[in-house]
Amino acid sequence: MEQILIRNLPAGTKAALRARAAHRRRSVEAEVREILAEALAREPVTIVDLVSMDEEGADIEFEPRRLGLASRTPEL
């Protein structure tokens, strides 16, 4: 399992998460996992997103090369 640490949350965020988790009878960690999973499901990661990241997860520019293909009318 992977882990992340989130620093510098806006004021009140942790309290709001704690209240939301309590309302749903979950731990704060379980609630945050659910929120992240739902957000990522709404906007799935594409192959271009994955390829445009280096090993450490930092964004790098990625512009696919053109293949030089063009449409043309067939001769009959």
C-alpha atoms as a PDB file:
ATOM      1  CA  MET A   1       0.000   0.000   0.000  1.00  0.00           C
ATOM      2  CA  GLU A   2       1.117   3.515  -0.779  1.00  0.00           C
ATOM      3  CA  GLN A   3       0.933   6.452   1.594  1.00  0.00           C
ATOM      4  CA  ILE A   4       0.793  10.223   1.257  1.00  0.00           C
ATOM      5  CA  LEU A   5       1.122  13.035   3.769  1.00  0.00           C
ATOM      6  CA  ILE A   6      -0.822  16.225   3.108  1.00  0.00           C
ATOM      7  CA  ARG A   7       0.490  19.378   4.738  1.00  0.00           C
ATOM      8  CA  ASN A   8      -0.860  22.914   4.925  1.00  0.00           C
ATOM      9  CA  LEU A   9      -4.561  22.124   4.657  1.00  0.00           C
ATOM     10  CA  PRO A  10      -6.820  25.177   4.681  1.00  0.00           C
ATOM     11  CA  ALA A  11      -8.221  26.056   8.114  1.00  0.00           C
ATOM     12  CA  GLY A  12     -11.172  23.886   9.066  1.00  0.00           C
ATOM     13  CA  THR A  13     -10.464  21.131   6.532  1.00  0.00           C
ATOM     14  CA  LYS A  14      -9.431  18.538   9.092  1.00  0.00           C
ATOM     15  CA  ALA A  15     -12.450  19.312  11.286  1.00  0.00           C
ATOM     16  CA  ALA A  16     -14.770  19.079   8.278  1.00  0.00           C
ATOM     17  CA  LEU A  17     -13.257  15.736   7.292  1.00  0.00           C
ATOM     18  CA  ARG A  18     -13.604  14.477  10.848  1.00  0.00           C
ATOM     19  CA  ALA A  19     -17.296  15.509  10.943  1.00  0.00           C
ATOM     20  CA  ARG A  20     -18.007  14.005   7.515  1.00  0.00           C
ATOM     21  CA  ALA A  21     -16.300  10.752   8.497  1.00  0.00           C
ATOM     22  CA  ALA A  22     -18.231  10.562  11.771  1.00  0.00           C
ATOM     23  CA  HIS A  23     -21.508  11.118   9.910  1.00  0.00           C
ATOM     24  CA  ARG A  24     -20.670   8.169   7.636  1.00  0.00           C
ATOM     25  CA  ARG A  25     -19.311   6.106  10.553  1.00  0.00           C
ATOM     26  CA  ARG A  26     -15.828   5.870   9.050  1.00  0.00           C
ATOM     27  CA  SER A  27     -12.362   6.846  10.111  1.00  0.00           C
ATOM     28  CA  VAL A  28     -10.932  10.077   8.721  1.00  0.00           C
ATOM     29  CA  GLU A  29      -8.467   7.989   6.685  1.00  0.00           C
ATOM     30  CA  ALA A  30     -11.265   5.876   5.179  1.00  0.00           C
ATOM     31  CA  GLU A  31     -13.231   9.018   4.312  1.00  0.00           C
ATOM     32  CA  VAL A  32     -10.243  10.637   2.598  1.00  0.00           C
ATOM     33  CA  ARG A  33      -9.569   7.414   0.635  1.00  0.00           C
ATOM     34  CA  GLU A  34     -13.191   7.424  -0.547  1.00  0.00           C
ATOM     35  CA  ILE A  35     -13.065  11.102  -1.544  1.00  0.00           C
ATOM     36  CA  LEU A  36      -9.861  10.564  -3.530  1.00  0.00           C
ATOM     37  CA  ALA A  37     -11.188   7.407  -5.211  1.00  0.00           C
ATOM     38  CA  GLU A  38     -14.406   9.177  -6.248  1.00  0.00           C
ATOM     39  CA  ALA A  39     -12.510  12.193  -7.609  1.00  0.00           C
ATOM     40  CA  LEU A  40     -10.147  10.012  -9.638  1.00  0.00           C
ATOM     41  CA  ALA A  41     -13.025   7.916 -10.993  1.00  0.00           C
ATOM     42  CA  ARG A  42     -14.684  11.094 -12.334  1.00  0.00           C
ATOM     43  CA  GLU A  43     -11.509  12.127 -14.188  1.00  0.00           C
ATOM     44  CA  PRO A  44      -9.575   8.975 -15.091  1.00  0.00           C
ATOM     45  CA  VAL A  45      -5.851   9.200 -15.743  1.00  0.00           C
ATOM     46  CA  THR A  46      -4.949   8.771 -19.406  1.00  0.00           C
ATOM     47  CA  ILE A  47      -1.898   7.106 -20.904  1.00  0.00           C
ATOM     48  CA  VAL A  48      -0.624  10.576 -21.885  1.00  0.00           C
ATOM     49  CA  ASP A  49      -0.852  11.625 -18.222  1.00  0.00           C
ATOM     50  CA  LEU A  50       1.213   8.606 -17.195  1.00  0.00           C
ATOM     51  CA  VAL A  51       3.818   8.944 -19.950  1.00  0.00           C
ATOM     52  CA  SER A  52       4.286  12.648 -19.263  1.00  0.00           C
ATOM     53  CA  MET A  53       5.572  11.965 -15.741  1.00  0.00           C
ATOM     54  CA  ASP A  54       9.095  10.958 -14.833  1.00  0.00           C
ATOM     55  CA  GLU A  55       9.942   8.268 -12.261  1.00  0.00           C
ATOM     56  CA  GLU A  56       9.558  10.655  -9.327  1.00  0.00           C
ATOM     57  CA  GLY A  57       6.121  11.839 -10.431  1.00  0.00           C
ATOM     58  CA  ALA A  58       7.218  15.307 -11.539  1.00  0.00           C
ATOM     59  CA  ASP A  59       5.533  16.631 -14.661  1.00  0.00           C
ATOM     60  CA  ILE A  60       7.607  16.838 -17.813  1.00  0.00           C
ATOM     61  CA  GLU A  61       6.529  18.198 -21.169  1.00  0.00           C
ATOM     62  CA  PHE A  62       5.234  15.609 -23.557  1.00  0.00           C
ATOM     63  CA  GLU A  63       4.237  16.370 -27.113  1.00  0.00           C
ATOM     64  CA  PRO A  64       3.641  13.318 -29.317  1.00  0.00           C
ATOM     65  CA  ARG A  65       5.467  13.437 -32.645  1.00  0.00           C
ATOM     66  CA  ARG A  66       3.415  13.724 -35.770  1.00  0.00           C
ATOM     67  CA  LEU A  67       3.559  10.623 -37.931  1.00  0.00           C
ATOM     68  CA  GLY A  68       3.488  12.587 -41.163  1.00  0.00           C
ATOM     69  CA  LEU A  69       0.356  10.832 -42.363  1.00  0.00           C
ATOM     70  CA  ALA A  70      -2.110  12.761 -44.457  1.00  0.00           C
ATOM     71  CA  SER A  71      -5.344  11.781 -46.077  1.00  0.00           C
ATOM     72  CA  ARG A  72      -5.481  11.688 -49.826  1.00  0.00           C
ATOM     73  CA  THR A  73      -8.022  10.859 -52.472  1.00  0.00           C
ATOM     74  CA  PRO A  74      -7.471   7.439 -54.035  1.00  0.00           C
ATOM     75  CA  GLU A  75      -6.968   7.291 -57.764  1.00  0.00           C
ATOM     76  CA  LEU A  76      -9.624   5.268 -59.544  1.00  0.00           C
END
